Amino acid sequence: MAEHRKQSRKKATGVDGIDKAAYDEHARERIAALVERMRKFQYKPLPV
């Protein structure tokens, strides 16, 4: 969450098409789900 707050809103989007403004919606729920996926080793980085 601290890293999310640091991100610039001007950054271009990756293959997911998501920027900071879009991620801000339900950010806590998204990050909680991300941590859970990482715990289960289900998280895989997307291509750059």
All heavy atoms as atom14 arrays in JSON, in Angstrom:
{
  "sequence": "MAEHRKQSRKKATGVDGIDKAAYDEHARERIAALVERMRKFQYKPLPV",
  "atom14_mask": [
    [1, 1, 1, 1, 1, 1, 1, 1, 0, 0, 0, 0, 0, 0],
    [1, 1, 1, 1, 1, 0, 0, 0, 0, 0, 0, 0, 0, 0],
    [1, 1, 1, 1, 1, 1, 1, 1, 1, 0, 0, 0, 0, 0],
    [1, 1, 1, 1, 1, 1, 1, 1, 1, 1, 0, 0, 0, 0],
    [1, 1, 1, 1, 1, 1, 1, 1, 1, 1, 1, 0, 0, 0],
    [1, 1, 1, 1, 1, 1, 1, 1, 1, 0, 0, 0, 0, 0],
    [1, 1, 1, 1, 1, 1, 1, 1, 1, 0, 0, 0, 0, 0],
    [1, 1, 1, 1, 1, 1, 0, 0, 0, 0, 0, 0, 0, 0],
    [1, 1, 1, 1, 1, 1, 1, 1, 1, 1, 1, 0, 0, 0],
    [1, 1, 1, 1, 1, 1, 1, 1, 1, 0, 0, 0, 0, 0],
    [1, 1, 1, 1, 1, 1, 1, 1, 1, 0, 0, 0, 0, 0],
    [1, 1, 1, 1, 1, 0, 0, 0, 0, 0, 0, 0, 0, 0],
    [1, 1, 1, 1, 1, 1, 1, 0, 0, 0, 0, 0, 0, 0],
    [1, 1, 1, 1, 0, 0, 0, 0, 0, 0, 0, 0, 0, 0],
    [1, 1, 1, 1, 1, 1, 1, 0, 0, 0, 0, 0, 0, 0],
    [1, 1, 1, 1, 1, 1, 1, 1, 0, 0, 0, 0, 0, 0],
    [1, 1, 1, 1, 0, 0, 0, 0, 0, 0, 0, 0, 0, 0],
    [1, 1, 1, 1, 1, 1, 1, 1, 0, 0, 0, 0, 0, 0],
    [1, 1, 1, 1, 1, 1, 1, 1, 0, 0, 0, 0, 0, 0],
    [1, 1, 1, 1, 1, 1, 1, 1, 1, 0, 0, 0, 0, 0],
    [1, 1, 1, 1, 1, 0, 0, 0, 0, 0, 0, 0, 0, 0],
    [1, 1, 1, 1, 1, 0, 0, 0, 0, 0, 0, 0, 0, 0],
    [1, 1, 1, 1, 1, 1, 1, 1, 1, 1, 1, 1, 0, 0],
    [1, 1, 1, 1, 1, 1, 1, 1, 0, 0, 0, 0, 0, 0],
    [1, 1, 1, 1, 1, 1, 1, 1, 1, 0, 0, 0, 0, 0],
    [1, 1, 1, 1, 1, 1, 1, 1, 1, 1, 0, 0, 0, 0],
    [1, 1, 1, 1, 1, 0, 0, 0, 0, 0, 0, 0, 0, 0],
    [1, 1, 1, 1, 1, 1, 1, 1, 1, 1, 1, 0, 0, 0],
    [1, 1, 1, 1, 1, 1, 1, 1, 1, 0, 0, 0, 0, 0],
    [1, 1, 1, 1, 1, 1, 1, 1, 1, 1, 1, 0, 0, 0],
    [1, 1, 1, 1, 1, 1, 1, 1, 0, 0, 0, 0, 0, 0],
    [1, 1, 1, 1, 1, 0, 0, 0, 0, 0, 0, 0, 0, 0],
    [1, 1, 1, 1, 1, 0, 0, 0, 0, 0, 0, 0, 0, 0],
    [1, 1, 1, 1, 1, 1, 1, 1, 0, 0, 0, 0, 0, 0],
    [1, 1, 1, 1, 1, 1, 1, 0, 0, 0, 0, 0, 0, 0],
    [1, 1, 1, 1, 1, 1, 1, 1, 1, 0, 0, 0, 0, 0],
    [1, 1, 1, 1, 1, 1, 1, 1, 1, 1, 1, 0, 0, 0],
    [1, 1, 1, 1, 1, 1, 1, 1, 0, 0, 0, 0, 0, 0],
    [1, 1, 1, 1, 1, 1, 1, 1, 1, 1, 1, 0, 0, 0],
    [1, 1, 1, 1, 1, 1, 1, 1, 1, 0, 0, 0, 0, 0],
    [1, 1, 1, 1, 1, 1, 1, 1, 1, 1, 1, 0, 0, 0],
    [1, 1, 1, 1, 1, 1, 1, 1, 1, 0, 0, 0, 0, 0],
    [1, 1, 1, 1, 1, 1, 1, 1, 1, 1, 1, 1, 0, 0],
    [1, 1, 1, 1, 1, 1, 1, 1, 1, 0, 0, 0, 0, 0],
    [1, 1, 1, 1, 1, 1, 1, 0, 0, 0, 0, 0, 0, 0],
    [1, 1, 1, 1, 1, 1, 1, 1, 0, 0, 0, 0, 0, 0],
    [1, 1, 1, 1, 1, 1, 1, 0, 0, 0, 0, 0, 0, 0],
    [1, 1, 1, 1, 1, 1, 1, 0, 0, 0, 0, 0, 0, 0]
  ],
  "atom14_positions": [
    [[0.83, -1.2, 0.0], [0.0, 0.0, 0.0], [0.87, 1.26, 0.0], [0.57, 2.24, -0.68], [-0.94, 0.0, 1.2], [-1.87, 1.21, 1.28], [-2.94, 1.43, -0.17], [-4.08, 0.06, 0.07], [0.0, 0.0, 0.0], [0.0, 0.0, 0.0], [0.0, 0.0, 0.0], [0.0, 0.0, 0.0], [0.0, 0.0, 0.0], [0.0, 0.0, 0.0]],
    [[1.94, 1.24, 0.78], [2.87, 2.38, 0.8], [3.5, 2.59, -0.58], [3.67, 3.72, -1.04], [3.96, 2.16, 1.84], [0.0, 0.0, 0.0], [0.0, 0.0, 0.0], [0.0, 0.0, 0.0], [0.0, 0.0, 0.0], [0.0, 0.0, 0.0], [0.0, 0.0, 0.0], [0.0, 0.0, 0.0], [0.0, 0.0, 0.0], [0.0, 0.0, 0.0]],
    [[3.84, 1.5, -1.27], [4.4, 1.59, -2.61], [3.36, 2.13, -3.6], [3.69, 2.9, -4.49], [4.9, 0.22, -3.07], [5.69, 0.22, -4.37], [7.01, 0.96, -4.28], [7.57, 1.04, -3.19], [7.47, 1.47, -5.32], [0.0, 0.0, 0.0], [0.0, 0.0, 0.0], [0.0, 0.0, 0.0], [0.0, 0.0, 0.0], [0.0, 0.0, 0.0]],
    [[2.12, 1.71, -3.44], [1.03, 2.2, -4.28], [0.87, 3.72, -4.16], [0.71, 4.43, -5.15], [-0.27, 1.49, -3.93], [-1.51, 2.13, -4.49], [-1.75, 2.25, -5.84], [-2.57, 2.72, -3.85], [-2.91, 2.88, -6.03], [-3.42, 3.17, -4.83], [0.0, 0.0, 0.0], [0.0, 0.0, 0.0], [0.0, 0.0, 0.0], [0.0, 0.0, 0.0]],
    [[0.94, 4.22, -2.92], [0.79, 5.66, -2.7], [1.94, 6.44, -3.35], [1.76, 7.59, -3.75], [0.74, 5.95, -1.2], [-0.5, 5.4, -0.5], [-0.64, 5.99, 0.89], [-1.76, 5.39, 1.63], [-1.63, 4.46, 2.55], [-0.42, 4.01, 2.87], [-2.72, 3.97, 3.16], [0.0, 0.0, 0.0], [0.0, 0.0, 0.0], [0.0, 0.0, 0.0]],
    [[3.11, 5.83, -3.45], [4.27, 6.5, -4.04], [4.21, 6.6, -5.56], [4.89, 7.43, -6.16], [5.56, 5.76, -3.64], [6.04, 6.05, -2.25], [7.27, 5.25, -1.94], [8.37, 5.5, -2.98], [9.57, 4.69, -2.7], [0.0, 0.0, 0.0], [0.0, 0.0, 0.0], [0.0, 0.0, 0.0], [0.0, 0.0, 0.0], [0.0, 0.0, 0.0]],
    [[3.44, 5.72, -6.2], [3.43, 5.66, -7.65], [2.91, 6.94, -8.28], [2.0, 7.6, -7.76], [2.58, 4.48, -8.13], [3.15, 3.11, -7.75], [4.48, 2.84, -8.39], [4.69, 3.04, -9.59], [5.43, 2.38, -7.58], [0.0, 0.0, 0.0], [0.0, 0.0, 0.0], [0.0, 0.0, 0.0], [0.0, 0.0, 0.0], [0.0, 0.0, 0.0]],
    [[3.49, 7.3, -9.4], [3.06, 8.48, -10.14], [1.81, 8.18, -10.96], [1.65, 7.09, -11.5], [4.19, 8.96, -11.06], [3.73, 9.98, -11.93], [0.0, 0.0, 0.0], [0.0, 0.0, 0.0], [0.0, 0.0, 0.0], [0.0, 0.0, 0.0], [0.0, 0.0, 0.0], [0.0, 0.0, 0.0], [0.0, 0.0, 0.0], [0.0, 0.0, 0.0]],
    [[0.93, 9.16, -11.05], [-0.28, 9.02, -11.85], [-0.01, 9.2, -13.34], [-0.88, 8.94, -14.17], [-1.33, 10.01, -11.39], [-1.85, 9.76, -9.98], [-2.99, 10.69, -9.6], [-3.49, 10.38, -8.28], [-4.44, 9.48, -8.02], [-4.99, 8.8, -9.02], [-4.84, 9.25, -6.78], [0.0, 0.0, 0.0], [0.0, 0.0, 0.0], [0.0, 0.0, 0.0]],
    [[1.21, 9.65, -13.68], [1.55, 9.91, -15.07], [2.22, 8.72, -15.76], [2.53, 8.79, -16.94], [2.47, 11.13, -15.15], [1.84, 12.42, -14.63], [2.81, 13.58, -14.73], [2.18, 14.86, -14.2], [3.14, 16.02, -14.28], [0.0, 0.0, 0.0], [0.0, 0.0, 0.0], [0.0, 0.0, 0.0], [0.0, 0.0, 0.0], [0.0, 0.0, 0.0]],
    [[2.46, 7.64, -15.0], [3.13, 6.48, -15.58], [2.26, 5.81, -16.64], [1.05, 5.68, -16.48], [3.45, 5.47, -14.47], [4.56, 5.9, -13.52], [5.93, 5.7, -14.14], [7.05, 5.97, -13.13], [8.39, 5.77, -13.72], [0.0, 0.0, 0.0], [0.0, 0.0, 0.0], [0.0, 0.0, 0.0], [0.0, 0.0, 0.0], [0.0, 0.0, 0.0]],
    [[2.92, 5.38, -17.72], [2.21, 4.64, -18.76], [1.81, 3.27, -18.24], [2.41, 2.73, -17.31], [3.1, 4.51, -20.0], [0.0, 0.0, 0.0], [0.0, 0.0, 0.0], [0.0, 0.0, 0.0], [0.0, 0.0, 0.0], [0.0, 0.0, 0.0], [0.0, 0.0, 0.0], [0.0, 0.0, 0.0], [0.0, 0.0, 0.0], [0.0, 0.0, 0.0]],
    [[0.78, 2.69, -18.85], [0.27, 1.4, -18.39], [0.98, 0.25, -19.08], [1.45, 0.36, -20.21], [-1.24, 1.3, -18.65], [-1.48, 1.44, -20.06], [-1.99, 2.38, -17.9], [0.0, 0.0, 0.0], [0.0, 0.0, 0.0], [0.0, 0.0, 0.0], [0.0, 0.0, 0.0], [0.0, 0.0, 0.0], [0.0, 0.0, 0.0], [0.0, 0.0, 0.0]],
    [[1.03, -0.89, -18.38], [1.6, -2.09, -18.94], [0.57, -2.89, -19.72], [-0.44, -2.35, -20.17], [0.0, 0.0, 0.0], [0.0, 0.0, 0.0], [0.0, 0.0, 0.0], [0.0, 0.0, 0.0], [0.0, 0.0, 0.0], [0.0, 0.0, 0.0], [0.0, 0.0, 0.0], [0.0, 0.0, 0.0], [0.0, 0.0, 0.0], [0.0, 0.0, 0.0]],
    [[0.81, -4.19, -19.86], [-0.1, -5.03, -20.66], [-1.46, -5.18, -19.99], [-2.43, -5.53, -20.64], [0.52, -6.43, -20.9], [1.77, -6.31, -21.75], [0.82, -7.14, -19.59], [0.0, 0.0, 0.0], [0.0, 0.0, 0.0], [0.0, 0.0, 0.0], [0.0, 0.0, 0.0], [0.0, 0.0, 0.0], [0.0, 0.0, 0.0], [0.0, 0.0, 0.0]],
    [[-1.54, -4.9, -18.68], [-2.83, -5.0, -17.99], [-3.72, -3.79, -18.24], [-4.93, -3.84, -17.98], [-2.62, -5.17, -16.49], [-1.8, -4.03, -15.86], [-1.21, -3.23, -16.63], [-1.74, -3.94, -14.62], [0.0, 0.0, 0.0], [0.0, 0.0, 0.0], [0.0, 0.0, 0.0], [0.0, 0.0, 0.0], [0.0, 0.0, 0.0], [0.0, 0.0, 0.0]],
    [[-3.15, -2.7, -18.75], [-3.93, -1.5, -19.03], [-4.39, -0.75, -17.79], [-5.25, 0.13, -17.88], [0.0, 0.0, 0.0], [0.0, 0.0, 0.0], [0.0, 0.0, 0.0], [0.0, 0.0, 0.0], [0.0, 0.0, 0.0], [0.0, 0.0, 0.0], [0.0, 0.0, 0.0], [0.0, 0.0, 0.0], [0.0, 0.0, 0.0], [0.0, 0.0, 0.0]],
    [[-3.84, -1.07, -16.63], [-4.26, -0.46, -15.36], [-3.26, 0.6, -14.93], [-2.05, 0.35, -14.94], [-4.4, -1.53, -14.25], [-5.5, -2.54, -14.63], [-4.71, -0.88, -12.9], [-5.62, -3.68, -13.65], [0.0, 0.0, 0.0], [0.0, 0.0, 0.0], [0.0, 0.0, 0.0], [0.0, 0.0, 0.0], [0.0, 0.0, 0.0], [0.0, 0.0, 0.0]],
    [[-3.76, 1.79, -14.57], [-2.91, 2.83, -14.03], [-3.26, 3.06, -12.55], [-4.13, 2.37, -11.99], [-3.03, 4.13, -14.83], [-4.45, 4.67, -14.88], [-5.33, 4.13, -14.16], [-4.7, 5.64, -15.63], [0.0, 0.0, 0.0], [0.0, 0.0, 0.0], [0.0, 0.0, 0.0], [0.0, 0.0, 0.0], [0.0, 0.0, 0.0], [0.0, 0.0, 0.0]],
    [[-2.63, 4.01, -11.94], [-2.85, 4.25, -10.52], [-4.28, 4.66, -10.23], [-4.88, 4.2, -9.23], [-1.89, 5.33, -10.0], [-2.03, 5.59, -8.5], [-1.02, 6.57, -7.98], [-1.19, 6.78, -6.48], [-0.16, 7.68, -5.91], [0.0, 0.0, 0.0], [0.0, 0.0, 0.0], [0.0, 0.0, 0.0], [0.0, 0.0, 0.0], [0.0, 0.0, 0.0]],
    [[-4.86, 5.5, -11.07], [-6.23, 5.96, -10.84], [-7.21, 4.79, -10.84], [-8.11, 4.71, -10.0], [-6.62, 6.98, -11.91], [0.0, 0.0, 0.0], [0.0, 0.0, 0.0], [0.0, 0.0, 0.0], [0.0, 0.0, 0.0], [0.0, 0.0, 0.0], [0.0, 0.0, 0.0], [0.0, 0.0, 0.0], [0.0, 0.0, 0.0], [0.0, 0.0, 0.0]],
    [[-7.01, 3.87, -11.79], [-7.9, 2.71, -11.86], [-7.68, 1.77, -10.67], [-8.63, 1.19, -10.14], [-7.67, 1.96, -13.17], [0.0, 0.0, 0.0], [0.0, 0.0, 0.0], [0.0, 0.0, 0.0], [0.0, 0.0, 0.0], [0.0, 0.0, 0.0], [0.0, 0.0, 0.0], [0.0, 0.0, 0.0], [0.0, 0.0, 0.0], [0.0, 0.0, 0.0]],
    [[-6.43, 1.63, -10.26], [-6.13, 0.74, -9.14], [-6.61, 1.3, -7.81], [-6.87, 0.55, -6.86], [-4.62, 0.49, -9.07], [-4.24, -0.79, -8.34], [-4.27, -2.01, -9.0], [-3.86, -0.76, -7.01], [-3.92, -3.19, -8.35], [-3.51, -1.92, -6.34], [-3.54, -3.14, -7.01], [-3.2, -4.31, -6.35], [0.0, 0.0, 0.0], [0.0, 0.0, 0.0]],
    [[-6.73, 2.63, -7.73], [-7.21, 3.29, -6.52], [-8.58, 2.79, -6.1], [-8.91, 2.75, -4.91], [-7.24, 4.8, -6.71], [-6.04, 5.48, -6.08], [-5.46, 4.91, -5.13], [-5.68, 6.58, -6.52], [0.0, 0.0, 0.0], [0.0, 0.0, 0.0], [0.0, 0.0, 0.0], [0.0, 0.0, 0.0], [0.0, 0.0, 0.0], [0.0, 0.0, 0.0]],
    [[-9.41, 2.43, -7.08], [-10.72, 1.88, -6.78], [-10.55, 0.49, -6.15], [-10.04, -0.43, -6.78], [-11.57, 1.78, -8.05], [-11.81, 3.12, -8.74], [-12.61, 2.97, -10.0], [-13.19, 1.88, -10.19], [-12.67, 3.92, -10.81], [0.0, 0.0, 0.0], [0.0, 0.0, 0.0], [0.0, 0.0, 0.0], [0.0, 0.0, 0.0], [0.0, 0.0, 0.0]],
    [[-10.93, 0.38, -4.94], [-10.82, -0.89, -4.2], [-9.35, -1.32, -4.05], [-9.01, -2.51, -4.14], [-11.61, -2.01, -4.88], [-13.01, -1.63, -5.25], [-13.98, -1.35, -4.31], [-13.58, -1.46, -6.47], [-15.11, -1.03, -4.93], [-14.9, -1.09, -6.24], [0.0, 0.0, 0.0], [0.0, 0.0, 0.0], [0.0, 0.0, 0.0], [0.0, 0.0, 0.0]],
    [[-8.47, -0.36, -3.81], [-7.03, -0.66, -3.73], [-6.72, -1.64, -2.6], [-5.93, -2.57, -2.77], [-6.23, 0.63, -3.54], [0.0, 0.0, 0.0], [0.0, 0.0, 0.0], [0.0, 0.0, 0.0], [0.0, 0.0, 0.0], [0.0, 0.0, 0.0], [0.0, 0.0, 0.0], [0.0, 0.0, 0.0], [0.0, 0.0, 0.0], [0.0, 0.0, 0.0]],
    [[-7.35, -1.44, -1.45], [-7.07, -2.32, -0.31], [-7.48, -3.76, -0.59], [-6.77, -4.71, -0.24], [-7.75, -1.79, 0.95], [-7.17, -0.47, 1.45], [-7.63, -0.13, 2.84], [-7.01, 1.1, 3.31], [-5.79, 1.16, 3.85], [-5.08, 0.04, 4.0], [-5.3, 2.33, 4.26], [0.0, 0.0, 0.0], [0.0, 0.0, 0.0], [0.0, 0.0, 0.0]],
    [[-8.64, -3.91, -1.23], [-9.1, -5.26, -1.57], [-8.18, -5.9, -2.61], [-7.85, -7.09, -2.53], [-10.53, -5.21, -2.11], [-11.58, -4.83, -1.05], [-11.72, -3.31, -0.88], [-10.85, -2.57, -1.41], [-12.68, -2.88, -0.21], [0.0, 0.0, 0.0], [0.0, 0.0, 0.0], [0.0, 0.0, 0.0], [0.0, 0.0, 0.0], [0.0, 0.0, 0.0]],
    [[-7.74, -5.11, -3.58], [-6.84, -5.62, -4.63], [-5.51, -6.09, -4.02], [-4.99, -7.15, -4.37], [-6.56, -4.55, -5.67], [-7.76, -4.2, -6.56], [-7.38, -3.01, -7.42], [-8.47, -2.55, -8.25], [-8.63, -2.84, -9.56], [-7.75, -3.6, -10.15], [-9.64, -2.37, -10.25], [0.0, 0.0, 0.0], [0.0, 0.0, 0.0], [0.0, 0.0, 0.0]],
    [[-4.96, -5.28, -3.12], [-3.67, -5.61, -2.51], [-3.8, -6.82, -1.59], [-2.92, -7.68, -1.55], [-3.1, -4.39, -1.76], [-2.63, -3.35, -2.79], [-1.95, -4.79, -0.83], [-2.15, -2.05, -2.2], [0.0, 0.0, 0.0], [0.0, 0.0, 0.0], [0.0, 0.0, 0.0], [0.0, 0.0, 0.0], [0.0, 0.0, 0.0], [0.0, 0.0, 0.0]],
    [[-4.9, -6.91, -0.87], [-5.13, -8.07, -0.01], [-5.19, -9.34, -0.85], [-4.62, -10.38, -0.48], [-6.42, -7.89, 0.79], [0.0, 0.0, 0.0], [0.0, 0.0, 0.0], [0.0, 0.0, 0.0], [0.0, 0.0, 0.0], [0.0, 0.0, 0.0], [0.0, 0.0, 0.0], [0.0, 0.0, 0.0], [0.0, 0.0, 0.0], [0.0, 0.0, 0.0]],
    [[-5.87, -9.28, -1.98], [-5.95, -10.42, -2.88], [-4.58, -10.76, -3.48], [-4.23, -11.93, -3.65], [-6.96, -10.14, -3.99], [0.0, 0.0, 0.0], [0.0, 0.0, 0.0], [0.0, 0.0, 0.0], [0.0, 0.0, 0.0], [0.0, 0.0, 0.0], [0.0, 0.0, 0.0], [0.0, 0.0, 0.0], [0.0, 0.0, 0.0], [0.0, 0.0, 0.0]],
    [[-3.79, -9.72, -3.78], [-2.44, -9.92, -4.31], [-1.56, -10.65, -3.31], [-0.84, -11.59, -3.66], [-1.83, -8.56, -4.68], [-0.34, -8.55, -5.07], [-0.09, -9.41, -6.29], [0.13, -7.11, -5.31], [0.0, 0.0, 0.0], [0.0, 0.0, 0.0], [0.0, 0.0, 0.0], [0.0, 0.0, 0.0], [0.0, 0.0, 0.0], [0.0, 0.0, 0.0]],
    [[-1.6, -10.22, -2.04], [-0.81, -10.87, -1.0], [-1.22, -12.33, -0.84], [-0.38, -13.21, -0.66], [-0.95, -10.1, 0.34], [-0.29, -10.87, 1.48], [-0.34, -8.71, 0.22], [0.0, 0.0, 0.0], [0.0, 0.0, 0.0], [0.0, 0.0, 0.0], [0.0, 0.0, 0.0], [0.0, 0.0, 0.0], [0.0, 0.0, 0.0], [0.0, 0.0, 0.0]],
    [[-2.51, -12.6, -0.9], [-3.0, -13.97, -0.77], [-2.51, -14.83, -1.94], [-2.1, -15.99, -1.73], [-4.54, -13.97, -0.72], [-5.16, -15.35, -0.52], [-4.82, -15.98, 0.81], [-4.38, -15.26, 1.73], [-4.99, -17.21, 0.92], [0.0, 0.0, 0.0], [0.0, 0.0, 0.0], [0.0, 0.0, 0.0], [0.0, 0.0, 0.0], [0.0, 0.0, 0.0]],
    [[-2.53, -14.29, -3.15], [-2.01, -15.02, -4.31], [-0.52, -15.3, -4.17], [-0.02, -16.37, -4.55], [-2.27, -14.23, -5.59], [-3.71, -14.39, -6.09], [-4.16, -13.39, -7.09], [-3.15, -12.94, -8.01], [-2.99, -11.65, -8.31], [-3.78, -10.73, -7.76], [-2.07, -11.29, -9.17], [0.0, 0.0, 0.0], [0.0, 0.0, 0.0], [0.0, 0.0, 0.0]],
    [[0.22, -14.33, -3.63], [1.65, -14.52, -3.44], [1.91, -15.6, -2.39], [2.83, -16.41, -2.52], [2.32, -13.21, -3.02], [2.32, -12.14, -4.1], [3.31, -10.69, -3.67], [4.97, -11.36, -3.86], [0.0, 0.0, 0.0], [0.0, 0.0, 0.0], [0.0, 0.0, 0.0], [0.0, 0.0, 0.0], [0.0, 0.0, 0.0], [0.0, 0.0, 0.0]],
    [[1.1, -15.62, -1.34], [1.24, -16.62, -0.28], [1.06, -18.02, -0.83], [1.73, -18.96, -0.42], [0.26, -16.34, 0.85], [0.45, -17.2, 2.08], [-0.59, -16.88, 3.14], [-1.93, -17.24, 2.71], [-2.43, -18.49, 2.8], [-1.68, -19.47, 3.29], [-3.66, -18.73, 2.4], [0.0, 0.0, 0.0], [0.0, 0.0, 0.0], [0.0, 0.0, 0.0]],
    [[0.12, -18.18, -1.78], [-0.19, -19.48, -2.37], [0.66, -19.76, -3.61], [0.45, -20.77, -4.28], [-1.67, -19.54, -2.74], [-2.61, -19.47, -1.56], [-4.06, -19.5, -2.02], [-5.03, -19.45, -0.84], [-6.45, -19.45, -1.28], [0.0, 0.0, 0.0], [0.0, 0.0, 0.0], [0.0, 0.0, 0.0], [0.0, 0.0, 0.0], [0.0, 0.0, 0.0]],
    [[1.58, -18.84, -3.94], [2.43, -18.95, -5.14], [1.63, -18.99, -6.43], [2.02, -19.6, -7.42], [3.36, -20.17, -5.04], [4.3, -20.12, -3.88], [4.08, -20.89, -2.76], [5.39, -19.26, -3.89], [4.93, -20.82, -1.67], [6.24, -19.18, -2.81], [6.02, -19.96, -1.7], [0.0, 0.0, 0.0], [0.0, 0.0, 0.0], [0.0, 0.0, 0.0]],
    [[0.47, -18.33, -6.4], [-0.36, -18.22, -7.59], [-0.05, -16.94, -8.38], [-0.53, -16.77, -9.5], [-1.84, -18.23, -7.2], [-2.3, -19.53, -6.56], [-3.73, -19.46, -6.05], [-4.32, -18.39, -5.96], [-4.29, -20.62, -5.69], [0.0, 0.0, 0.0], [0.0, 0.0, 0.0], [0.0, 0.0, 0.0], [0.0, 0.0, 0.0], [0.0, 0.0, 0.0]],
    [[0.74, -16.05, -7.79], [1.08, -14.79, -8.44], [2.21, -15.0, -9.44], [3.28, -15.52, -9.1], [1.48, -13.75, -7.41], [2.16, -12.53, -7.99], [1.44, -11.6, -8.72], [3.52, -12.33, -7.83], [2.06, -10.48, -9.28], [4.15, -11.22, -8.36], [3.43, -10.31, -9.09], [4.05, -9.21, -9.63], [0.0, 0.0, 0.0], [0.0, 0.0, 0.0]],
    [[1.97, -14.62, -10.68], [2.98, -14.68, -11.72], [3.04, -13.32, -12.43], [2.01, -12.85, -12.93], [2.67, -15.79, -12.73], [2.83, -17.19, -12.17], [2.63, -18.23, -13.25], [2.83, -19.63, -12.69], [2.63, -20.67, -13.74], [0.0, 0.0, 0.0], [0.0, 0.0, 0.0], [0.0, 0.0, 0.0], [0.0, 0.0, 0.0], [0.0, 0.0, 0.0]],
    [[4.21, -12.69, -12.47], [4.33, -11.39, -13.16], [3.94, -11.49, -14.63], [4.21, -12.5, -15.29], [5.82, -11.05, -13.0], [6.29, -11.88, -11.85], [5.49, -13.13, -11.89], [0.0, 0.0, 0.0], [0.0, 0.0, 0.0], [0.0, 0.0, 0.0], [0.0, 0.0, 0.0], [0.0, 0.0, 0.0], [0.0, 0.0, 0.0], [0.0, 0.0, 0.0]],
    [[3.32, -10.45, -15.13], [2.94, -10.39, -16.53], [4.12, -9.93, -17.39], [5.06, -9.31, -16.88], [1.77, -9.41, -16.72], [0.45, -9.79, -16.03], [-0.55, -8.65, -16.15], [-0.11, -11.06, -16.63], [0.0, 0.0, 0.0], [0.0, 0.0, 0.0], [0.0, 0.0, 0.0], [0.0, 0.0, 0.0], [0.0, 0.0, 0.0], [0.0, 0.0, 0.0]],
    [[4.1, -10.25, -18.67], [5.18, -9.77, -19.55], [5.24, -8.24, -19.56], [4.23, -7.56, -19.41], [4.79, -10.31, -20.93], [3.85, -11.43, -20.67], [3.13, -11.08, -19.41], [0.0, 0.0, 0.0], [0.0, 0.0, 0.0], [0.0, 0.0, 0.0], [0.0, 0.0, 0.0], [0.0, 0.0, 0.0], [0.0, 0.0, 0.0], [0.0, 0.0, 0.0]],
    [[6.43, -7.73, -19.73], [6.65, -6.29, -19.79], [6.27, -5.77, -21.17], [6.66, -6.36, -22.18], [8.12, -5.95, -19.48], [8.39, -4.47, -19.71], [8.47, -6.35, -18.05], [0.0, 0.0, 0.0], [0.0, 0.0, 0.0], [0.0, 0.0, 0.0], [0.0, 0.0, 0.0], [0.0, 0.0, 0.0], [0.0, 0.0, 0.0], [0.0, 0.0, 0.0]]
  ]
}
